[in-house]
Amino acid sequence: MYVKDMKPKILVILGSAREGRRGIKVANWAMDVLSKRTDVDFELADLRDWNLPFYDFPASPSTEKGLYHNKLQEKWSKKIESADGFLMITPEYNHGYSAVLKNAIDYAWYEWNHKPTTFISYGGGAGGV
């Protein structure tokens, strides 16, 4: 929640975890550019570090507000809740975003709501379109 005289927090999510990924270079570049801003706080969340298993719980977070199935889901949801907005950095896989990023999005629901989100996409035959 934005409060006057408090800087908004943007969570920069690196949405690639595969070996040999190029996303870390893109994330480092973005964080370097963003660090020049003094009116916003930016935090990098590398999904490789989060190691979220594929979401296979019996119900969707959209139907179970605040009911988490394990400590990792609870921790990730709190991380999402702590942000005022998101910058998602994702490779282009088959003209879409990565499965790791989709999975991370699926781990929460209410915590994402009403927060601005933008993307930096890279790679693929179409250059990240």
N, C-alpha and C. Protein backbone atom coordinates (compact mmCIF):
# COMPACT_ATOMS: atom_id res chain seq x y z
N MET A 1 0.84 -1.16 0.00
CA MET A 1 0.00 0.00 0.00
C MET A 1 0.89 1.23 0.00
N TYR A 2 0.57 2.19 -0.85
CA TYR A 2 1.35 3.41 -0.96
C TYR A 2 0.92 4.40 0.11
N VAL A 3 1.86 4.90 0.86
CA VAL A 3 1.63 5.92 1.88
C VAL A 3 2.50 7.11 1.53
N LYS A 4 1.95 8.31 1.65
CA LYS A 4 2.71 9.51 1.32
C LYS A 4 4.05 9.50 2.07
N ASP A 5 5.07 9.91 1.39
CA ASP A 5 6.44 9.97 1.92
C ASP A 5 7.10 8.60 2.04
N MET A 6 6.44 7.56 1.62
CA MET A 6 7.07 6.23 1.56
C MET A 6 7.32 5.91 0.10
N LYS A 7 8.47 5.33 -0.18
CA LYS A 7 8.77 4.95 -1.55
C LYS A 7 8.03 3.66 -1.89
N PRO A 8 7.43 3.60 -3.07
CA PRO A 8 6.83 2.33 -3.49
C PRO A 8 7.91 1.28 -3.71
N LYS A 9 7.54 0.04 -3.53
CA LYS A 9 8.46 -1.08 -3.72
C LYS A 9 8.02 -1.87 -4.95
N ILE A 10 8.95 -2.05 -5.87
CA ILE A 10 8.71 -2.84 -7.07
C ILE A 10 9.53 -4.12 -6.97
N LEU A 11 8.86 -5.24 -7.07
CA LEU A 11 9.53 -6.53 -7.06
C LEU A 11 9.87 -6.90 -8.51
N VAL A 12 11.15 -7.07 -8.77
CA VAL A 12 11.64 -7.44 -10.10
C VAL A 12 11.80 -8.96 -10.06
N ILE A 13 10.99 -9.66 -10.84
CA ILE A 13 10.98 -11.13 -10.81
C ILE A 13 11.69 -11.67 -12.04
N LEU A 14 12.77 -12.40 -11.80
CA LEU A 14 13.50 -13.06 -12.88
C LEU A 14 12.84 -14.41 -13.13
N GLY A 15 12.19 -14.54 -14.26
CA GLY A 15 11.35 -15.70 -14.56
C GLY A 15 12.02 -16.77 -15.38
N SER A 16 13.27 -17.07 -15.11
CA SER A 16 13.96 -18.17 -15.75
C SER A 16 14.83 -18.86 -14.72
N ALA A 17 14.82 -20.16 -14.73
CA ALA A 17 15.63 -20.91 -13.77
C ALA A 17 16.50 -21.95 -14.45
N ARG A 18 16.45 -22.02 -15.74
CA ARG A 18 17.17 -23.10 -16.42
C ARG A 18 18.67 -22.86 -16.46
N GLU A 19 19.40 -23.94 -16.63
CA GLU A 19 20.85 -23.88 -16.73
C GLU A 19 21.24 -23.13 -17.99
N GLY A 20 22.25 -22.28 -17.90
CA GLY A 20 22.72 -21.52 -19.04
C GLY A 20 21.83 -20.35 -19.42
N ARG A 21 20.95 -19.96 -18.55
CA ARG A 21 20.01 -18.87 -18.85
C ARG A 21 20.73 -17.56 -19.10
N ARG A 22 20.13 -16.74 -19.94
CA ARG A 22 20.66 -15.41 -20.21
C ARG A 22 19.96 -14.35 -19.36
N GLY A 23 18.90 -14.76 -18.70
CA GLY A 23 18.09 -13.83 -17.93
C GLY A 23 18.82 -13.11 -16.83
N ILE A 24 19.84 -13.72 -16.25
CA ILE A 24 20.56 -13.07 -15.17
C ILE A 24 21.28 -11.82 -15.69
N LYS A 25 21.77 -11.87 -16.94
CA LYS A 25 22.39 -10.68 -17.52
C LYS A 25 21.36 -9.58 -17.73
N VAL A 26 20.17 -9.96 -18.17
CA VAL A 26 19.09 -8.98 -18.36
C VAL A 26 18.68 -8.40 -17.01
N ALA A 27 18.56 -9.25 -16.00
CA ALA A 27 18.17 -8.79 -14.66
C ALA A 27 19.22 -7.87 -14.07
N ASN A 28 20.49 -8.20 -14.23
CA ASN A 28 21.56 -7.34 -13.71
C ASN A 28 21.55 -5.99 -14.41
N TRP A 29 21.33 -6.00 -15.74
CA TRP A 29 21.23 -4.74 -16.48
C TRP A 29 20.05 -3.91 -15.97
N ALA A 30 18.89 -4.55 -15.82
CA ALA A 30 17.70 -3.83 -15.36
C ALA A 30 17.91 -3.25 -13.96
N MET A 31 18.48 -4.04 -13.06
CA MET A 31 18.69 -3.57 -11.70
C MET A 31 19.70 -2.41 -11.68
N ASP A 32 20.68 -2.43 -12.57
CA ASP A 32 21.63 -1.33 -12.66
C ASP A 32 20.92 -0.05 -13.11
N VAL A 33 20.10 -0.16 -14.14
CA VAL A 33 19.34 1.00 -14.62
C VAL A 33 18.38 1.50 -13.54
N LEU A 34 17.67 0.58 -12.91
CA LEU A 34 16.68 0.95 -11.90
C LEU A 34 17.32 1.56 -10.65
N SER A 35 18.54 1.15 -10.34
CA SER A 35 19.21 1.65 -9.13
C SER A 35 19.47 3.15 -9.18
N LYS A 36 19.40 3.73 -10.36
CA LYS A 36 19.61 5.17 -10.51
C LYS A 36 18.39 5.98 -10.03
N ARG A 37 17.28 5.31 -9.85
CA ARG A 37 16.07 5.98 -9.35
C ARG A 37 16.13 6.03 -7.82
N THR A 38 15.76 7.17 -7.29
CA THR A 38 15.77 7.32 -5.83
C THR A 38 14.36 7.40 -5.25
N ASP A 39 13.36 7.42 -6.13
CA ASP A 39 11.98 7.58 -5.68
C ASP A 39 11.23 6.26 -5.53
N VAL A 40 11.89 5.15 -5.87
CA VAL A 40 11.29 3.82 -5.82
C VAL A 40 12.33 2.83 -5.32
N ASP A 41 11.90 1.87 -4.52
CA ASP A 41 12.78 0.77 -4.10
C ASP A 41 12.52 -0.43 -5.01
N PHE A 42 13.58 -1.07 -5.45
CA PHE A 42 13.49 -2.25 -6.30
C PHE A 42 14.18 -3.42 -5.61
N GLU A 43 13.54 -4.56 -5.68
CA GLU A 43 14.11 -5.79 -5.12
C GLU A 43 14.03 -6.88 -6.16
N LEU A 44 15.13 -7.61 -6.34
CA LEU A 44 15.17 -8.71 -7.30
C LEU A 44 14.76 -10.01 -6.61
N ALA A 45 13.82 -10.72 -7.22
CA ALA A 45 13.42 -12.06 -6.78
C ALA A 45 13.73 -13.01 -7.93
N ASP A 46 14.77 -13.79 -7.77
CA ASP A 46 15.21 -14.75 -8.77
C ASP A 46 14.48 -16.07 -8.51
N LEU A 47 13.65 -16.49 -9.45
CA LEU A 47 12.86 -17.71 -9.24
C LEU A 47 13.74 -18.95 -9.10
N ARG A 48 14.97 -18.90 -9.56
CA ARG A 48 15.89 -20.01 -9.33
C ARG A 48 16.13 -20.18 -7.83
N ASP A 49 16.21 -19.07 -7.11
CA ASP A 49 16.43 -19.12 -5.66
C ASP A 49 15.19 -19.58 -4.90
N TRP A 50 14.02 -19.34 -5.46
CA TRP A 50 12.78 -19.71 -4.78
C TRP A 50 12.46 -21.19 -4.93
N ASN A 51 12.83 -21.79 -6.04
CA ASN A 51 12.65 -23.22 -6.26
C ASN A 51 11.23 -23.70 -5.91
N LEU A 52 10.24 -23.02 -6.47
CA LEU A 52 8.84 -23.39 -6.23
C LEU A 52 8.50 -24.63 -7.04
N PRO A 53 8.10 -25.73 -6.40
CA PRO A 53 7.68 -26.90 -7.17
C PRO A 53 6.42 -26.58 -7.96
N PHE A 54 6.14 -27.34 -9.00
CA PHE A 54 4.93 -27.09 -9.77
C PHE A 54 3.71 -27.14 -8.86
N TYR A 55 2.84 -26.17 -9.04
CA TYR A 55 1.65 -26.04 -8.20
C TYR A 55 0.74 -27.24 -8.45
N ASP A 56 0.57 -28.06 -7.43
CA ASP A 56 -0.28 -29.25 -7.58
C ASP A 56 -1.23 -29.43 -6.40
N PHE A 57 -1.50 -28.33 -5.69
CA PHE A 57 -2.41 -28.40 -4.55
C PHE A 57 -3.84 -28.60 -5.04
N PRO A 58 -4.71 -29.12 -4.19
CA PRO A 58 -6.06 -29.47 -4.64
C PRO A 58 -6.94 -28.29 -5.04
N ALA A 59 -6.64 -27.09 -4.58
CA ALA A 59 -7.48 -25.94 -4.92
C ALA A 59 -6.62 -24.76 -5.32
N SER A 60 -7.22 -23.87 -6.07
CA SER A 60 -6.54 -22.66 -6.52
C SER A 60 -6.49 -21.62 -5.41
N PRO A 61 -5.41 -20.82 -5.34
CA PRO A 61 -5.36 -19.76 -4.35
C PRO A 61 -6.51 -18.75 -4.48
N SER A 62 -7.10 -18.65 -5.65
CA SER A 62 -8.21 -17.72 -5.83
C SER A 62 -9.46 -18.16 -5.08
N THR A 63 -9.54 -19.42 -4.74
CA THR A 63 -10.71 -19.92 -4.00
C THR A 63 -10.44 -20.11 -2.51
N GLU A 64 -9.19 -19.95 -2.12
CA GLU A 64 -8.81 -20.19 -0.72
C GLU A 64 -8.01 -19.02 -0.17
N LYS A 65 -8.60 -17.86 -0.11
CA LYS A 65 -7.89 -16.66 0.32
C LYS A 65 -7.19 -16.87 1.66
N GLY A 66 -5.86 -16.72 1.64
CA GLY A 66 -5.09 -16.81 2.87
C GLY A 66 -4.83 -18.22 3.36
N LEU A 67 -5.36 -19.24 2.70
CA LEU A 67 -5.11 -20.62 3.11
C LEU A 67 -3.93 -21.14 2.29
N TYR A 68 -2.81 -21.30 2.94
CA TYR A 68 -1.62 -21.76 2.24
C TYR A 68 -1.35 -23.21 2.58
N HIS A 69 -0.81 -23.92 1.60
CA HIS A 69 -0.63 -25.36 1.75
C HIS A 69 0.72 -25.74 2.33
N ASN A 70 1.67 -24.81 2.32
CA ASN A 70 2.96 -25.09 2.94
C ASN A 70 3.67 -23.77 3.23
N LYS A 71 4.78 -23.84 3.94
CA LYS A 71 5.51 -22.64 4.36
C LYS A 71 6.09 -21.88 3.16
N LEU A 72 6.51 -22.60 2.12
CA LEU A 72 7.07 -21.94 0.95
C LEU A 72 6.00 -21.11 0.23
N GLN A 73 4.81 -21.65 0.09
CA GLN A 73 3.72 -20.89 -0.53
C GLN A 73 3.38 -19.66 0.31
N GLU A 74 3.36 -19.82 1.60
CA GLU A 74 3.09 -18.70 2.50
C GLU A 74 4.18 -17.63 2.37
N LYS A 75 5.44 -18.05 2.33
CA LYS A 75 6.56 -17.11 2.21
C LYS A 75 6.50 -16.37 0.88
N TRP A 76 6.22 -17.08 -0.23
CA TRP A 76 6.13 -16.45 -1.54
C TRP A 76 4.96 -15.47 -1.57
N SER A 77 3.83 -15.84 -1.03
CA SER A 77 2.66 -14.96 -1.00
C SER A 77 2.96 -13.68 -0.23
N LYS A 78 3.69 -13.79 0.87
CA LYS A 78 4.06 -12.60 1.64
C LYS A 78 5.02 -11.72 0.84
N LYS A 79 5.92 -12.33 0.07
CA LYS A 79 6.83 -11.56 -0.77
C LYS A 79 6.03 -10.78 -1.81
N ILE A 80 5.06 -11.41 -2.43
CA ILE A 80 4.21 -10.74 -3.42
C ILE A 80 3.40 -9.64 -2.75
N GLU A 81 2.85 -9.93 -1.61
CA GLU A 81 2.04 -8.95 -0.88
C GLU A 81 2.86 -7.71 -0.51
N SER A 82 4.14 -7.87 -0.26
CA SER A 82 4.98 -6.76 0.19
C SER A 82 5.27 -5.74 -0.92
N ALA A 83 4.99 -6.10 -2.16
CA ALA A 83 5.30 -5.23 -3.29
C ALA A 83 4.10 -4.37 -3.69
N ASP A 84 4.42 -3.20 -4.23
CA ASP A 84 3.40 -2.30 -4.76
C ASP A 84 3.20 -2.50 -6.25
N GLY A 85 4.12 -3.18 -6.89
CA GLY A 85 4.05 -3.45 -8.32
C GLY A 85 5.15 -4.40 -8.71
N PHE A 86 5.15 -4.80 -10.00
CA PHE A 86 6.06 -5.85 -10.45
C PHE A 86 6.65 -5.54 -11.81
N LEU A 87 7.91 -5.92 -11.96
CA LEU A 87 8.57 -5.96 -13.25
C LEU A 87 9.00 -7.41 -13.44
N MET A 88 8.43 -8.07 -14.43
CA MET A 88 8.75 -9.48 -14.67
C MET A 88 9.68 -9.58 -15.86
N ILE A 89 10.80 -10.24 -15.64
CA ILE A 89 11.79 -10.45 -16.70
C ILE A 89 11.66 -11.90 -17.12
N THR A 90 11.33 -12.11 -18.39
CA THR A 90 11.04 -13.48 -18.83
C THR A 90 11.62 -13.75 -20.21
N PRO A 91 12.13 -14.97 -20.39
CA PRO A 91 12.52 -15.37 -21.74
C PRO A 91 11.25 -15.67 -22.55
N GLU A 92 11.41 -15.62 -23.86
CA GLU A 92 10.32 -16.06 -24.73
C GLU A 92 10.51 -17.54 -25.00
N TYR A 93 9.57 -18.32 -24.57
CA TYR A 93 9.58 -19.77 -24.86
C TYR A 93 8.34 -20.07 -25.68
N ASN A 94 8.52 -20.51 -26.91
CA ASN A 94 7.40 -20.88 -27.78
C ASN A 94 6.35 -19.77 -27.87
N HIS A 95 6.81 -18.56 -28.04
CA HIS A 95 5.96 -17.36 -28.18
C HIS A 95 5.15 -17.07 -26.92
N GLY A 96 5.67 -17.45 -25.78
CA GLY A 96 5.01 -17.16 -24.51
C GLY A 96 6.05 -16.95 -23.42
N TYR A 97 5.57 -16.81 -22.21
CA TYR A 97 6.50 -16.65 -21.09
C TYR A 97 6.81 -18.01 -20.49
N SER A 98 7.76 -18.04 -19.58
CA SER A 98 8.27 -19.32 -19.08
C SER A 98 7.29 -20.01 -18.12
N ALA A 99 7.39 -21.32 -18.07
CA ALA A 99 6.56 -22.11 -17.15
C ALA A 99 6.89 -21.79 -15.70
N VAL A 100 8.16 -21.49 -15.42
CA VAL A 100 8.58 -21.16 -14.06
C VAL A 100 7.87 -19.88 -13.59
N LEU A 101 7.75 -18.90 -14.48
CA LEU A 101 7.05 -17.67 -14.13
C LEU A 101 5.56 -17.92 -13.96
N LYS A 102 4.96 -18.67 -14.85
CA LYS A 102 3.52 -19.00 -14.73
C LYS A 102 3.25 -19.70 -13.41
N ASN A 103 4.10 -20.62 -13.06
CA ASN A 103 3.95 -21.35 -11.81
C ASN A 103 4.03 -20.41 -10.61
N ALA A 104 4.98 -19.48 -10.63
CA ALA A 104 5.13 -18.52 -9.53
C ALA A 104 3.90 -17.64 -9.41
N ILE A 105 3.33 -17.26 -10.54
CA ILE A 105 2.10 -16.47 -10.52
C ILE A 105 0.96 -17.28 -9.89
N ASP A 106 0.88 -18.56 -10.21
CA ASP A 106 -0.19 -19.42 -9.70
C ASP A 106 -0.12 -19.67 -8.20
N TYR A 107 1.02 -19.47 -7.59
CA TYR A 107 1.17 -19.73 -6.15
C TYR A 107 0.40 -18.76 -5.27
N ALA A 108 -0.01 -17.64 -5.82
CA ALA A 108 -0.76 -16.64 -5.05
C ALA A 108 -1.91 -16.15 -5.92
N TRP A 109 -2.80 -15.41 -5.33
CA TRP A 109 -3.88 -14.80 -6.11
C TRP A 109 -4.15 -13.38 -5.62
N TYR A 110 -4.67 -13.27 -4.43
CA TYR A 110 -5.08 -11.96 -3.91
C TYR A 110 -3.91 -11.01 -3.78
N GLU A 111 -2.74 -11.53 -3.52
CA GLU A 111 -1.56 -10.70 -3.32
C GLU A 111 -1.13 -9.97 -4.61
N TRP A 112 -1.52 -10.48 -5.76
CA TRP A 112 -1.20 -9.85 -7.04
C TRP A 112 -2.20 -8.74 -7.41
N ASN A 113 -3.38 -8.81 -6.89
CA ASN A 113 -4.49 -7.97 -7.35
C ASN A 113 -4.25 -6.48 -7.17
N HIS A 114 -4.69 -5.72 -8.18
CA HIS A 114 -4.68 -4.26 -8.18
C HIS A 114 -3.28 -3.66 -8.06
N LYS A 115 -2.30 -4.37 -8.60
CA LYS A 115 -0.93 -3.87 -8.59
C LYS A 115 -0.41 -3.84 -10.03
N PRO A 116 0.20 -2.73 -10.43
CA PRO A 116 0.69 -2.64 -11.81
C PRO A 116 1.82 -3.63 -12.06
N THR A 117 1.84 -4.13 -13.30
CA THR A 117 2.85 -5.11 -13.70
C THR A 117 3.30 -4.79 -15.12
N THR A 118 4.59 -4.93 -15.35
CA THR A 118 5.12 -4.77 -16.70
C THR A 118 6.17 -5.86 -16.92
N PHE A 119 6.57 -6.00 -18.17
CA PHE A 119 7.47 -7.10 -18.54
C PHE A 119 8.65 -6.61 -19.33
N ILE A 120 9.78 -7.29 -19.15
CA ILE A 120 10.90 -7.25 -20.07
C ILE A 120 11.02 -8.68 -20.59
N SER A 121 10.90 -8.82 -21.89
CA SER A 121 11.01 -10.13 -22.52
C SER A 121 12.23 -10.15 -23.42
N TYR A 122 12.84 -11.31 -23.53
CA TYR A 122 14.05 -11.43 -24.34
C TYR A 122 14.11 -12.81 -24.96
N GLY A 123 14.92 -12.94 -26.00
CA GLY A 123 15.21 -14.24 -26.59
C GLY A 123 14.18 -14.70 -27.60
N GLY A 124 14.28 -15.96 -27.94
CA GLY A 124 13.36 -16.56 -28.90
C GLY A 124 13.62 -16.07 -30.32
N GLY A 125 13.01 -16.72 -31.26
CA GLY A 125 13.17 -16.35 -32.65
C GLY A 125 12.65 -14.98 -32.98
N ALA A 126 11.72 -14.47 -32.17
CA ALA A 126 11.11 -13.17 -32.44
C ALA A 126 11.68 -12.08 -31.51
N GLY A 127 12.75 -12.38 -30.79
CA GLY A 127 13.39 -11.36 -29.96
C GLY A 127 12.61 -10.96 -28.73
N GLY A 128 11.82 -11.85 -28.21
CA GLY A 128 11.11 -11.56 -26.97
C GLY A 128 9.76 -10.92 -27.13
N VAL A 129 9.21 -10.92 -28.34
CA VAL A 129 7.89 -10.29 -28.51
C VAL A 129 6.81 -11.09 -27.85
